[in-house]
Amino acid sequence: MFARAREKARQASCLSNLKQIGTAAMMYLQDYDERFPGHGCAWNEPWDFTGRGETCYAAKLYPYTKNIQIFQCPSDSDYAEPGRRDNAYGNNLAYVAGRSPRLIADVKSPAETILYADATRGYIRAPRCCGVSDTSPLCSHSPGDDNIDYRHNEGANFAFCDGHAKWWKESASIWKTNYYWDLK
């Protein structure tokens, strides 16, 4: 019972982190002609601000947060593993924030389109085998192929393209359709 309550507190802290990251992304959009911060991560040095190589989306958002710790989920025991380097959240690589990031105007339903989530890597993937509409057929990808880490009471925290964040229980509706992923 105590362990579950402790995890609920971690889940709330993580949700707060993603809300701050979502808010930082909204500020970034205002400063960069309404374009999302691109992925472009060289995960060996995600906080390298010198311009050598690619810059991680988290480093692009750092000037708006001034807090590296919001990129660390209290329930993510793997964040220090090679390739992770202190970022427990991934961005929607396929549709919104890839190497050629989209404009906010491209996102038809910002309140329903995933931007960031608890992740096992620095990016999350939509089930790209599906089409790009809410009427797409079910995808054959299995859970875990999307890099979402359901580490909070059988669910994960998500931030959306309008800046809000919420917890979702793991379900087929997230990973078997493009509805919450694409630009609609």
Protein backbone atom coordinates (compact mmCIF):
# COMPACT_ATOMS: atom_id res chain seq x y z
CA MET A 1 0.00 0.00 0.00
CA PHE A 2 2.80 2.41 0.92
CA ALA A 3 4.69 1.62 -2.30
CA ARG A 4 1.63 2.44 -4.40
CA ALA A 5 1.16 5.76 -2.61
CA ARG A 6 4.82 6.59 -3.13
CA GLU A 7 4.49 5.81 -6.84
CA LYS A 8 1.39 8.05 -7.05
CA ALA A 9 3.52 10.91 -5.67
CA ARG A 10 6.23 10.20 -8.25
CA GLN A 11 3.59 10.09 -10.97
CA ALA A 12 2.35 13.53 -9.90
CA SER A 13 5.89 14.92 -9.87
CA CYS A 14 6.52 13.50 -13.33
CA LEU A 15 3.24 14.96 -14.62
CA SER A 16 4.38 18.34 -13.32
CA ASN A 17 7.67 17.91 -15.20
CA LEU A 18 5.85 17.19 -18.46
CA LYS A 19 3.53 20.14 -17.93
CA GLN A 20 6.58 22.39 -17.54
CA ILE A 21 8.19 20.85 -20.63
CA GLY A 22 4.94 21.41 -22.57
CA THR A 23 4.80 25.02 -21.40
CA ALA A 24 8.44 25.52 -22.43
CA ALA A 25 7.57 24.14 -25.88
CA MET A 26 4.76 26.71 -26.18
CA MET A 27 7.22 29.51 -25.37
CA TYR A 28 9.71 28.05 -27.87
CA LEU A 29 6.99 28.09 -30.54
CA GLN A 30 6.48 31.82 -29.98
CA ASP A 31 10.19 32.56 -30.40
CA TYR A 32 10.84 30.28 -33.39
CA ASP A 33 8.12 31.22 -35.87
CA GLU A 34 5.62 28.72 -34.45
CA ARG A 35 7.88 25.74 -35.23
CA PHE A 36 8.31 22.93 -32.69
CA PRO A 37 11.81 22.20 -31.38
CA GLY A 38 13.28 19.48 -33.57
CA HIS A 39 14.66 16.23 -32.29
CA GLY A 40 18.20 16.20 -33.65
CA CYS A 41 19.68 14.49 -30.60
CA ALA A 42 23.25 13.46 -30.22
CA TRP A 43 22.49 11.62 -26.99
CA ASN A 44 26.10 11.44 -25.90
CA GLU A 45 25.97 15.10 -24.93
CA PRO A 46 22.35 16.30 -24.86
CA TRP A 47 23.21 19.41 -22.85
CA ASP A 48 26.00 20.50 -25.21
CA PHE A 49 25.12 24.09 -26.08
CA THR A 50 28.28 24.72 -28.12
CA GLY A 51 26.68 23.89 -31.45
CA ARG A 52 28.90 20.88 -32.14
CA GLY A 53 26.74 18.27 -33.77
CA GLU A 54 23.01 18.09 -33.21
CA THR A 55 21.23 19.68 -30.29
CA CYS A 56 18.66 17.70 -28.33
CA TYR A 57 15.11 19.11 -28.05
CA ALA A 58 15.61 19.21 -24.26
CA ALA A 59 18.62 21.51 -24.68
CA LYS A 60 16.52 23.72 -26.96
CA LEU A 61 13.87 23.98 -24.24
CA TYR A 62 16.37 24.53 -21.42
CA PRO A 63 16.47 28.36 -21.82
CA TYR A 64 12.74 28.36 -21.03
CA THR A 65 12.97 26.06 -18.02
CA LYS A 66 16.41 26.81 -16.54
CA ASN A 67 16.08 23.44 -14.85
CA ILE A 68 17.68 20.25 -16.12
CA GLN A 69 15.99 18.22 -13.37
CA ILE A 70 12.54 18.51 -14.96
CA PHE A 71 13.85 16.15 -17.65
CA GLN A 72 14.36 13.45 -15.00
CA CYS A 73 11.40 11.35 -13.97
CA PRO A 74 11.58 10.22 -10.32
CA SER A 75 10.38 6.75 -11.35
CA ASP A 76 12.80 6.27 -14.23
CA SER A 77 15.49 3.95 -12.93
CA ASP A 78 17.19 3.77 -16.34
CA TYR A 79 17.84 7.47 -16.94
CA ALA A 80 21.58 7.14 -16.35
CA GLU A 81 22.00 4.20 -18.72
CA PRO A 82 24.14 4.82 -21.83
CA GLY A 83 22.18 6.61 -24.51
CA ARG A 84 19.78 8.25 -22.07
CA ARG A 85 21.85 10.88 -20.28
CA ASP A 86 19.36 12.48 -17.92
CA ASN A 87 16.31 12.72 -20.17
CA ALA A 88 13.39 10.49 -19.25
CA TYR A 89 11.01 11.90 -21.86
CA GLY A 90 10.70 11.44 -25.59
CA ASN A 91 9.20 13.63 -28.28
CA ASN A 92 6.83 12.67 -31.10
CA LEU A 93 9.52 12.01 -33.66
CA ALA A 94 7.48 10.83 -36.62
CA TYR A 95 4.90 13.56 -36.95
CA VAL A 96 5.63 16.65 -34.91
CA ALA A 97 9.21 17.16 -33.79
CA GLY A 98 11.55 15.24 -36.05
CA ARG A 99 14.65 16.53 -37.76
CA SER A 100 12.40 18.85 -39.80
CA PRO A 101 10.00 20.06 -37.11
CA ARG A 102 6.47 21.05 -38.00
CA LEU A 103 4.60 24.28 -37.53
CA ILE A 104 1.93 24.42 -34.84
CA ALA A 105 -0.52 25.31 -37.66
CA ASP A 106 0.11 21.84 -39.15
CA VAL A 107 -1.42 20.22 -36.07
CA LYS A 108 -5.19 20.19 -36.54
CA SER A 109 -6.03 19.01 -33.00
CA PRO A 110 -3.25 20.23 -30.66
CA ALA A 111 -5.14 19.21 -27.52
CA GLU A 112 -5.32 15.61 -28.77
CA THR A 113 -1.89 15.21 -30.42
CA ILE A 114 0.94 13.77 -28.32
CA LEU A 115 4.13 15.85 -28.21
CA TYR A 116 6.14 14.33 -25.28
CA ALA A 117 5.77 11.28 -23.05
CA ASP A 118 7.49 9.06 -20.49
CA ALA A 119 9.92 7.19 -22.70
CA THR A 120 12.62 4.56 -22.88
CA ARG A 121 14.49 6.74 -25.41
CA GLY A 122 14.68 10.41 -26.36
CA TYR A 123 11.87 9.97 -28.83
CA ILE A 124 8.52 8.25 -29.09
CA ARG A 125 7.10 6.76 -32.26
CA ALA A 126 3.61 6.53 -33.56
CA PRO A 127 2.52 3.23 -35.05
CA ARG A 128 3.59 4.28 -38.55
CA CYS A 129 2.22 1.16 -40.17
CA CYS A 130 -1.17 2.77 -39.87
CA GLY A 131 -2.45 5.55 -42.11
CA VAL A 132 -2.61 9.14 -41.00
CA SER A 133 -6.22 9.55 -39.94
CA ASP A 134 -8.44 8.54 -37.09
CA THR A 135 -10.11 5.99 -39.38
CA SER A 136 -6.86 4.07 -39.92
CA PRO A 137 -6.88 0.31 -39.48
CA LEU A 138 -5.35 -1.15 -36.37
CA CYS A 139 -1.60 -1.46 -36.36
CA SER A 140 0.31 -4.65 -35.73
CA HIS A 141 3.05 -3.05 -33.62
CA SER A 142 3.18 -4.36 -30.10
CA PRO A 143 3.41 -2.24 -26.94
CA GLY A 144 6.96 -1.09 -26.40
CA ASP A 145 7.70 -0.50 -30.09
CA ASP A 146 6.66 3.11 -29.55
CA ASN A 147 9.27 3.68 -26.77
CA ILE A 148 6.61 4.82 -24.30
CA ASP A 149 7.50 3.76 -20.78
CA TYR A 150 4.35 2.92 -18.79
CA ARG A 151 6.15 3.29 -15.47
CA HIS A 152 3.44 4.98 -13.39
CA ASN A 153 0.78 2.61 -12.06
CA GLU A 154 0.35 0.85 -15.41
CA GLY A 155 0.22 4.13 -17.29
CA ALA A 156 2.35 6.98 -18.57
CA ASN A 157 2.33 10.76 -18.52
CA PHE A 158 1.89 12.65 -21.79
CA ALA A 159 2.23 16.29 -22.86
CA PHE A 160 0.21 17.45 -25.84
CA CYS A 161 0.79 19.98 -28.59
CA ASP A 162 -1.28 22.62 -26.79
CA GLY A 163 0.94 22.40 -23.67
CA HIS A 164 -1.37 20.46 -21.33
CA ALA A 165 -0.31 17.17 -19.76
CA LYS A 166 -2.18 14.15 -18.41
CA TRP A 167 -1.72 10.56 -17.28
CA TRP A 168 -3.12 7.73 -19.37
CA LYS A 169 -3.48 4.08 -18.48
CA GLU A 170 -1.78 1.84 -21.03
CA SER A 171 -4.33 0.77 -23.62
CA ALA A 172 -4.55 -0.35 -27.19
CA SER A 173 -6.10 2.99 -28.13
CA ILE A 174 -2.71 4.67 -27.77
CA TRP A 175 -0.52 2.25 -29.68
CA LYS A 176 -2.92 0.75 -32.19
CA THR A 177 -4.05 3.91 -33.93
CA ASN A 178 -2.50 7.11 -35.19
CA TYR A 179 -5.31 9.20 -33.73
CA TYR A 180 -3.24 10.71 -30.89
CA TRP A 181 -0.05 10.93 -32.91
CA ASP A 182 -0.50 12.45 -36.31
CA LEU A 183 -1.41 15.90 -37.54
CA LYS A 184 -4.92 14.76 -38.59
